[in-house]
C-alpha atoms as a PDB file:
ATOM      1  CA  MET A   1      26.641  -1.092 -38.268  1.00  0.00           C
ATOM      2  CA  HIS A   2      24.034  -3.788 -37.659  1.00  0.00           C
ATOM      3  CA  PHE A   3      25.624  -4.575 -34.281  1.00  0.00           C
ATOM      4  CA  PHE A   4      25.355  -0.962 -33.087  1.00  0.00           C
ATOM      5  CA  ARG A   5      21.756  -0.609 -34.245  1.00  0.00           C
ATOM      6  CA  THR A   6      20.801  -3.853 -32.478  1.00  0.00           C
ATOM      7  CA  PHE A   7      22.751  -2.826 -29.379  1.00  0.00           C
ATOM      8  CA  PHE A   8      21.077   0.593 -29.121  1.00  0.00           C
ATOM      9  CA  LEU A   9      17.626  -0.852 -29.813  1.00  0.00           C
ATOM     10  CA  SER A  10      18.214  -3.404 -27.037  1.00  0.00           C
ATOM     11  CA  ILE A  11      19.264  -0.673 -24.611  1.00  0.00           C
ATOM     12  CA  ALA A  12      16.230   1.459 -25.531  1.00  0.00           C
ATOM     13  CA  LEU A  13      13.889  -1.515 -25.108  1.00  0.00           C
ATOM     14  CA  PHE A  14      15.467  -2.321 -21.740  1.00  0.00           C
ATOM     15  CA  PHE A  15      14.760   1.193 -20.438  1.00  0.00           C
ATOM     16  CA  ILE A  16      11.190   1.122 -21.752  1.00  0.00           C
ATOM     17  CA  VAL A  17      10.561  -2.182 -19.937  1.00  0.00           C
ATOM     18  CA  ILE A  18      12.235  -0.948 -16.735  1.00  0.00           C
ATOM     19  CA  ASN A  19      10.112   2.213 -16.770  1.00  0.00           C
ATOM     20  CA  GLN A  20       6.950   0.152 -17.182  1.00  0.00           C
ATOM     21  CA  VAL A  21       7.891  -2.132 -14.297  1.00  0.00           C
ATOM     22  CA  HIS A  22       8.287   0.742 -11.826  1.00  0.00           C
ATOM     23  CA  ALA A  23       6.135   3.496 -13.242  1.00  0.00           C
ATOM     24  CA  ASP A  24       4.485   6.027 -10.961  1.00  0.00           C
ATOM     25  CA  PHE A  25       0.957   6.828 -12.088  1.00  0.00           C
ATOM     26  CA  ASN A  26      -2.220   8.804 -11.445  1.00  0.00           C
ATOM     27  CA  GLY A  27      -5.677   7.336 -11.281  1.00  0.00           C
ATOM     28  CA  LYS A  28      -9.060   7.228  -9.612  1.00  0.00           C
ATOM     29  CA  VAL A  29      -9.715   4.904  -6.676  1.00  0.00           C
ATOM     30  CA  VAL A  30     -12.594   2.747  -7.928  1.00  0.00           C
ATOM     31  CA  LYS A  31     -12.655   0.131  -5.157  1.00  0.00           C
ATOM     32  CA  VAL A  32     -11.361  -0.180  -1.604  1.00  0.00           C
ATOM     33  CA  ILE A  33     -10.715  -3.878  -1.013  1.00  0.00           C
ATOM     34  CA  ASP A  34      -9.614  -3.568   2.623  1.00  0.00           C
ATOM     35  CA  GLY A  35      -7.509  -1.278   4.797  1.00  0.00           C
ATOM     36  CA  ASP A  36      -4.365  -1.693   2.710  1.00  0.00           C
ATOM     37  CA  THR A  37      -5.505  -2.646  -0.804  1.00  0.00           C
ATOM     38  CA  VAL A  38      -7.353  -0.649  -3.474  1.00  0.00           C
ATOM     39  CA  ASP A  39      -8.153  -0.788  -7.174  1.00  0.00           C
ATOM     40  CA  ILE A  40      -7.184   2.261  -9.210  1.00  0.00           C
ATOM     41  CA  LEU A  41      -8.345   3.096 -12.719  1.00  0.00           C
ATOM     42  CA  THR A  42      -5.720   4.945 -14.754  1.00  0.00           C
ATOM     43  CA  PRO A  43      -6.575   7.594 -17.371  1.00  0.00           C
ATOM     44  CA  LYS A  44      -5.905   4.867 -19.993  1.00  0.00           C
ATOM     45  CA  LYS A  45      -8.669   2.774 -18.345  1.00  0.00           C
ATOM     46  CA  GLN A  46      -6.228   0.231 -16.925  1.00  0.00           C
ATOM     47  CA  LYS A  47      -7.316  -1.162 -13.539  1.00  0.00           C
ATOM     48  CA  ILE A  48      -4.373  -1.640 -11.173  1.00  0.00           C
ATOM     49  CA  ARG A  49      -4.595  -3.316  -7.774  1.00  0.00           C
ATOM     50  CA  VAL A  50      -2.384  -1.457  -5.309  1.00  0.00           C
ATOM     51  CA  ARG A  51      -1.217  -2.800  -1.954  1.00  0.00           C
ATOM     52  CA  LEU A  52      -0.194   0.116   0.277  1.00  0.00           C
ATOM     53  CA  LEU A  53       3.540  -0.127   0.903  1.00  0.00           C
ATOM     54  CA  ASP A  54       4.987  -0.316   4.432  1.00  0.00           C
ATOM     55  CA  ILE A  55       1.660  -0.841   6.213  1.00  0.00           C
ATOM     56  CA  ASP A  56      -0.385  -3.846   7.314  1.00  0.00           C
ATOM     57  CA  ALA A  57      -4.055  -3.277   8.102  1.00  0.00           C
ATOM     58  CA  PRO A  58      -6.255  -5.636  10.108  1.00  0.00           C
ATOM     59  CA  GLU A  59      -7.774  -8.448   8.041  1.00  0.00           C
ATOM     60  CA  SER A  60     -11.446  -8.127   7.053  1.00  0.00           C
ATOM     61  CA  ARG A  61     -12.497 -10.899   9.481  1.00  0.00           C
ATOM     62  CA  GLN A  62     -10.459  -9.350  12.275  1.00  0.00           C
ATOM     63  CA  ALA A  63     -11.338  -6.704  14.872  1.00  0.00           C
ATOM     64  CA  TYR A  64     -10.964  -3.244  13.280  1.00  0.00           C
ATOM     65  CA  GLY A  65     -10.746  -4.793   9.791  1.00  0.00           C
ATOM     66  CA  ASN A  66     -13.995  -3.176   8.692  1.00  0.00           C
ATOM     67  CA  ALA A  67     -13.148   0.104  10.464  1.00  0.00           C
ATOM     68  CA  SER A  68      -9.782   0.191   8.683  1.00  0.00           C
ATOM     69  CA  LYS A  69     -11.434  -0.346   5.285  1.00  0.00           C
ATOM     70  CA  LYS A  70     -14.041   2.348   6.016  1.00  0.00           C
ATOM     71  CA  TYR A  71     -11.380   4.824   7.101  1.00  0.00           C
ATOM     72  CA  LEU A  72      -9.322   4.252   3.952  1.00  0.00           C
ATOM     73  CA  ALA A  73     -12.493   4.620   1.868  1.00  0.00           C
ATOM     74  CA  SER A  74     -13.316   7.900   3.641  1.00  0.00           C
ATOM     75  CA  LEU A  75      -9.887   9.207   2.638  1.00  0.00           C
ATOM     76  CA  ILE A  76      -9.649   8.175  -1.014  1.00  0.00           C
ATOM     77  CA  ALA A  77     -12.696   6.304  -2.436  1.00  0.00           C
ATOM     78  CA  GLY A  78     -13.702   7.866  -5.754  1.00  0.00           C
ATOM     79  CA  LYS A  79     -10.837  10.344  -5.631  1.00  0.00           C
ATOM     80  CA  SER A  80      -7.934  10.956  -7.985  1.00  0.00           C
ATOM     81  CA  VAL A  81      -4.634   9.936  -6.442  1.00  0.00           C
ATOM     82  CA  PHE A  82      -0.962   9.635  -7.335  1.00  0.00           C
ATOM     83  CA  VAL A  83       0.792   6.301  -6.786  1.00  0.00           C
ATOM     84  CA  LYS A  84       4.525   6.089  -6.279  1.00  0.00           C
ATOM     85  CA  GLU A  85       5.163   2.521  -7.334  1.00  0.00           C
ATOM     86  CA  ASN A  86       7.806   0.449  -5.578  1.00  0.00           C
ATOM     87  CA  LYS A  87       7.531  -3.080  -7.030  1.00  0.00           C
ATOM     88  CA  LYS A  88       5.129  -6.006  -7.410  1.00  0.00           C
ATOM     89  CA  ASP A  89       4.347  -8.395  -4.570  1.00  0.00           C
ATOM     90  CA  ILE A  90       4.028 -12.174  -4.837  1.00  0.00           C
ATOM     91  CA  TYR A  91       0.373 -11.758  -5.899  1.00  0.00           C
ATOM     92  CA  GLN A  92       1.419  -9.347  -8.699  1.00  0.00           C
ATOM     93  CA  ARG A  93      -0.194  -6.383  -6.960  1.00  0.00           C
ATOM     94  CA  THR A  94       1.578  -3.067  -7.261  1.00  0.00           C
ATOM     95  CA  LEU A  95       3.234  -2.116  -3.982  1.00  0.00           C
ATOM     96  CA  GLY A  96       3.081   1.638  -3.703  1.00  0.00           C
ATOM     97  CA  THR A  97       2.636   4.780  -1.703  1.00  0.00           C
ATOM     98  CA  ILE A  98      -0.610   6.586  -2.400  1.00  0.00           C
ATOM     99  CA  PHE A  99      -0.798  10.369  -2.264  1.00  0.00           C
ATOM    100  CA  LEU A 100      -3.983  12.407  -2.143  1.00  0.00           C
ATOM    101  CA  ASN A 101      -2.794  15.857  -3.136  1.00  0.00           C
ATOM    102  CA  LYS A 102       0.441  15.820  -1.109  1.00  0.00           C
ATOM    103  CA  ILE A 103      -0.839  13.717   1.779  1.00  0.00           C
ATOM    104  CA  ASN A 104       0.835  10.326   2.193  1.00  0.00           C
ATOM    105  CA  VAL A 105      -2.221   8.081   2.632  1.00  0.00           C
ATOM    106  CA  ASN A 106      -0.130   5.093   3.768  1.00  0.00           C
ATOM    107  CA  ALA A 107       1.309   7.151   6.629  1.00  0.00           C
ATOM    108  CA  LYS A 108      -2.147   8.575   7.431  1.00  0.00           C
ATOM    109  CA  MET A 109      -3.500   5.031   7.927  1.00  0.00           C
ATOM    110  CA  VAL A 110      -0.808   4.234  10.500  1.00  0.00           C
ATOM    111  CA  GLU A 111      -0.896   7.670  12.133  1.00  0.00           C
ATOM    112  CA  SER A 112      -4.675   7.396  12.600  1.00  0.00           C
ATOM    113  CA  GLY A 113      -4.421   3.938  14.160  1.00  0.00           C
ATOM    114  CA  TYR A 114      -5.956   1.920  11.332  1.00  0.00           C
ATOM    115  CA  ALA A 115      -2.834  -0.013  10.330  1.00  0.00           C
ATOM    116  CA  TRP A 116       0.468  -1.252  11.695  1.00  0.00           C
ATOM    117  CA  ALA A 117       3.899  -0.531  10.269  1.00  0.00           C
ATOM    118  CA  TYR A 118       4.576  -3.508   7.976  1.00  0.00           C
ATOM    119  CA  ARG A 119       7.082  -5.971   9.386  1.00  0.00           C
ATOM    120  CA  VAL A 120       8.926  -8.974   7.996  1.00  0.00           C
ATOM    121  CA  LYS A 121       9.942 -11.421  10.724  1.00  0.00           C
ATOM    122  CA  GLY A 122       9.346  -8.721  13.311  1.00  0.00           C
ATOM    123  CA  VAL A 123      11.423  -6.039  11.555  1.00  0.00           C
ATOM    124  CA  ALA A 124       9.973  -2.928   9.904  1.00  0.00           C
ATOM    125  CA  ASN A 125      11.930  -1.393   7.020  1.00  0.00           C
ATOM    126  CA  ASN A 126      10.233   1.981   7.308  1.00  0.00           C
ATOM    127  CA  LYS A 127      11.254   3.562  10.613  1.00  0.00           C
ATOM    128  CA  ASN A 128       8.949   6.542  10.079  1.00  0.00           C
ATOM    129  CA  MET A 129       5.959   4.189  10.019  1.00  0.00           C
ATOM    130  CA  VAL A 130       7.142   2.676  13.319  1.00  0.00           C
ATOM    131  CA  LYS A 131       7.261   6.180  14.867  1.00  0.00           C
ATOM    132  CA  LEU A 132       3.760   6.958  13.585  1.00  0.00           C
ATOM    133  CA  GLU A 133       2.520   3.631  14.956  1.00  0.00           C
ATOM    134  CA  SER A 134       4.039   4.376  18.380  1.00  0.00           C
ATOM    135  CA  LYS A 135       2.363   7.803  18.497  1.00  0.00           C
ATOM    136  CA  ALA A 136      -1.015   6.335  17.512  1.00  0.00           C
ATOM    137  CA  LYS A 137      -0.586   3.651  20.180  1.00  0.00           C
ATOM    138  CA  GLN A 138       0.292   6.255  22.861  1.00  0.00           C
ATOM    139  CA  LYS A 139      -2.770   8.318  21.920  1.00  0.00           C
ATOM    140  CA  GLN A 140      -4.948   5.167  21.718  1.00  0.00           C
ATOM    141  CA  LYS A 141      -6.170   5.994  18.228  1.00  0.00           C
ATOM    142  CA  GLY A 142      -8.179   3.565  16.110  1.00  0.00           C
ATOM    143  CA  LEU A 143      -7.301  -0.066  16.799  1.00  0.00           C
ATOM    144  CA  TRP A 144      -5.072   1.035  19.679  1.00  0.00           C
ATOM    145  CA  LYS A 145      -8.253   1.634  21.736  1.00  0.00           C
ATOM    146  CA  ASP A 146      -8.300  -2.158  22.054  1.00  0.00           C
ATOM    147  CA  LYS A 147      -6.375  -3.365  25.124  1.00  0.00           C
ATOM    148  CA  HIS A 148      -4.832  -6.302  23.225  1.00  0.00           C
ATOM    149  CA  PRO A 149      -4.950  -5.695  19.471  1.00  0.00           C
ATOM    150  CA  ILE A 150      -3.834  -8.646  17.366  1.00  0.00           C
ATOM    151  CA  ALA A 151      -1.324  -7.825  14.641  1.00  0.00           C
ATOM    152  CA  PRO A 152      -2.556  -8.905  11.184  1.00  0.00           C
ATOM    153  CA  TRP A 153       0.440 -11.217  10.670  1.00  0.00           C
ATOM    154  CA  ASP A 154      -0.396 -13.014  13.942  1.00  0.00           C
ATOM    155  CA  PHE A 155      -4.068 -13.225  12.942  1.00  0.00           C
ATOM    156  CA  ARG A 156      -3.136 -14.746   9.567  1.00  0.00           C
ATOM    157  CA  ASN A 157      -0.771 -17.264  11.202  1.00  0.00           C
ATOM    158  CA  ARG A 158      -3.436 -18.361  13.727  1.00  0.00           C
ATOM    159  CA  ASN A 159      -5.973 -18.899  10.967  1.00  0.00           C
ATOM    160  CA  LYS A 160      -3.577 -20.936   8.795  1.00  0.00           C
ATOM    161  CA  LYS A 161      -3.526 -23.697  11.401  1.00  0.00           C
END
């Protein structure tokens, strides 16, 4: 009997922990850090830093960095949003997709030309973001007005050296 009680308690605890690791949540955007990172305050007054999944915005010190931050702020600063959490990144930020009502804010950033589709070693996982990026580039929206925009990953690599 003790074995079964311990077993079922362990299983229940496992699912509680798993749900906390990848828990979607609502909250108010209390700070826009840059074009792909915000702080959100949950109804339980927990502040969560969220890195927008599948996008990469220009760095603050980079051309269009400030414009990207301002655009994101114009969309969601001070507003209540829903975050579909994916996982944590190496800095322990929540990686997630932010929705304002039913608008995918991550996609809106790329579609409006204020962020690139996120790539790892040149490959983007989210093909929809790549399509949105291509359309923004064709229409010369946002950072695509620049003749030779520098991708954030290239900018970071240049500044490491």
